[in-house]
Amino acid sequence: MTKKEHIEYWKNTSEKDWEVSEELYRSGKYVYCLFFAHLTIEKLCKANWVKDNPEDHPPRIHHLLKLLSSTTLRISEADQKFLDEFNVFQLEGRYPDYMMKIFSVCTKEYTDIILTKVKTIRTWLLETLQ
């Protein structure tokens, strides 16, 4: 695959994850909705990583800020703080000690707040790939 094809792969799979996140939101499965929203942002970060690095295979990590640190993108301190906190919905969120805490926090209202910010970051990351 070419570099462009690798970037398109990450963008396309990100779009599919976003669609799943929206379906999970509509069905009231907020923890899983946010897990897939994290995957969405992670894959867009990986697309940007591929764009900005000579290699076509990003590191197999899930931490959003670590991925972005190897790109030319610069984000505000507020967005850095949000992404750092949003990482709770990645792989670590699958473990029992995190899951109980996450399920108690993920109300519709909480999810709405998080998704509003995710939508803004998602749009920005897609624009950086134009």
Protein backbone atom coordinates (compact mmCIF):
# COMPACT_ATOMS: atom_id res chain seq x y z
CA MET A 1 0.00 0.00 0.00
CA THR A 2 1.08 3.56 -0.64
CA LYS A 3 1.28 6.18 2.11
CA LYS A 4 -1.96 7.68 0.81
CA GLU A 5 -3.66 4.27 0.99
CA HIS A 6 -2.47 3.79 4.57
CA ILE A 7 -3.91 7.17 5.53
CA GLU A 8 -7.18 6.33 3.80
CA TYR A 9 -7.31 3.01 5.65
CA TRP A 10 -7.14 4.79 9.02
CA LYS A 11 -9.67 7.42 7.93
CA ASN A 12 -12.12 4.82 6.58
CA THR A 13 -11.95 2.56 9.62
CA SER A 14 -12.31 5.62 11.82
CA GLU A 15 -15.53 6.51 9.98
CA LYS A 16 -16.90 3.00 10.56
CA ASP A 17 -16.07 3.24 14.26
CA TRP A 18 -17.79 6.63 14.42
CA GLU A 19 -20.95 5.10 12.91
CA VAL A 20 -20.86 2.34 15.55
CA SER A 21 -20.38 4.95 18.28
CA GLU A 22 -23.46 6.81 17.05
CA GLU A 23 -25.52 3.60 17.01
CA LEU A 24 -24.41 2.73 20.52
CA TYR A 25 -25.32 6.23 21.68
CA ARG A 26 -28.81 5.91 20.20
CA SER A 27 -29.27 2.59 21.99
CA GLY A 28 -28.17 4.05 25.34
CA LYS A 29 -24.94 2.06 25.58
CA TYR A 30 -22.86 5.04 26.61
CA VAL A 31 -19.68 3.34 27.83
CA TYR A 32 -19.38 1.41 24.58
CA CYS A 33 -20.29 4.52 22.60
CA LEU A 34 -17.35 6.35 24.17
CA PHE A 35 -15.04 3.36 23.64
CA PHE A 36 -15.78 3.52 19.90
CA ALA A 37 -15.52 7.31 19.94
CA HIS A 38 -12.02 6.85 21.37
CA LEU A 39 -11.22 4.39 18.57
CA THR A 40 -12.42 7.00 16.10
CA ILE A 41 -10.04 9.64 17.42
CA GLU A 42 -7.21 7.13 17.84
CA LYS A 43 -7.41 6.10 14.20
CA LEU A 44 -7.44 9.71 13.02
CA CYS A 45 -4.36 10.31 15.16
CA LYS A 46 -2.76 7.30 13.50
CA ALA A 47 -3.65 8.66 10.05
CA ASN A 48 -1.88 11.88 10.99
CA TRP A 49 1.03 9.90 12.37
CA VAL A 50 1.39 8.11 9.01
CA LYS A 51 1.13 11.44 7.18
CA ASP A 52 3.94 12.99 9.24
CA ASN A 53 6.36 10.08 9.53
CA PRO A 54 8.44 8.18 6.98
CA GLU A 55 6.99 4.84 8.11
CA ASP A 56 3.49 3.77 7.11
CA HIS A 57 2.73 1.75 10.24
CA PRO A 58 2.00 3.76 13.39
CA PRO A 59 2.99 2.38 16.77
CA ARG A 60 0.59 -0.12 18.30
CA ILE A 61 -0.43 2.16 21.12
CA HIS A 62 -3.75 3.69 22.10
CA HIS A 63 -2.66 6.79 23.98
CA LEU A 64 -3.86 9.77 21.96
CA LEU A 65 -1.29 12.30 23.14
CA LYS A 66 1.61 9.92 22.56
CA LEU A 67 0.42 9.39 19.00
CA LEU A 68 0.02 13.11 18.40
CA SER A 69 3.41 13.88 19.90
CA SER A 70 5.01 12.34 16.80
CA THR A 71 3.06 14.52 14.39
CA THR A 72 3.29 18.15 13.34
CA LEU A 73 -0.09 18.88 14.94
CA ARG A 74 -0.25 21.26 17.86
CA ILE A 75 -3.18 21.25 20.22
CA SER A 76 -4.24 23.57 22.99
CA GLU A 77 -3.62 22.76 26.62
CA ALA A 78 -7.37 22.33 27.11
CA ASP A 79 -7.54 19.79 24.29
CA GLN A 80 -4.48 18.00 25.64
CA LYS A 81 -6.17 17.73 29.02
CA PHE A 82 -9.37 16.45 27.43
CA LEU A 83 -7.56 13.83 25.32
CA ASP A 84 -5.54 12.69 28.31
CA GLU A 85 -8.74 12.18 30.33
CA PHE A 86 -10.52 10.65 27.32
CA ASN A 87 -7.91 7.88 27.28
CA VAL A 88 -9.81 6.17 30.09
CA PHE A 89 -12.14 4.86 27.37
CA GLN A 90 -9.45 2.98 25.52
CA LEU A 91 -8.09 -0.46 26.31
CA GLU A 92 -7.67 0.18 30.03
CA GLY A 93 -11.41 0.75 30.19
CA ARG A 94 -11.96 -2.95 29.61
CA TYR A 95 -10.62 -3.97 33.00
CA PRO A 96 -13.03 -4.59 35.91
CA ASP A 97 -11.69 -1.95 38.30
CA TYR A 98 -12.14 0.73 35.62
CA MET A 99 -15.40 -0.62 34.26
CA MET A 100 -17.37 -0.26 37.48
CA LYS A 101 -16.26 3.35 37.82
CA ILE A 102 -16.91 4.14 34.17
CA PHE A 103 -20.42 2.65 34.14
CA SER A 104 -21.40 4.78 37.12
CA VAL A 105 -20.19 7.98 35.41
CA CYS A 106 -21.43 7.46 31.86
CA THR A 107 -24.88 8.95 31.96
CA LYS A 108 -26.52 10.39 28.86
CA GLU A 109 -25.67 13.90 30.06
CA TYR A 110 -22.00 13.04 30.64
CA THR A 111 -21.78 11.28 27.28
CA ASP A 112 -23.34 14.29 25.54
CA ILE A 113 -20.65 16.56 26.96
CA ILE A 114 -17.83 14.21 25.94
CA LEU A 115 -19.24 13.62 22.45
CA THR A 116 -19.57 17.35 21.81
CA LYS A 117 -15.84 17.73 22.36
CA VAL A 118 -15.05 14.54 20.43
CA LYS A 119 -17.00 15.83 17.43
CA THR A 120 -14.95 19.03 17.41
CA ILE A 121 -11.64 17.16 17.61
CA ARG A 122 -12.79 14.62 15.02
CA THR A 123 -13.66 17.40 12.57
CA TRP A 124 -10.31 19.11 13.16
CA LEU A 125 -8.34 15.88 12.70
CA LEU A 126 -10.18 15.13 9.45
CA GLU A 127 -9.42 18.64 8.19
CA THR A 128 -5.72 18.14 8.90
CA LEU A 129 -5.77 15.18 6.54
CA GLN A 130 -7.11 17.13 3.53
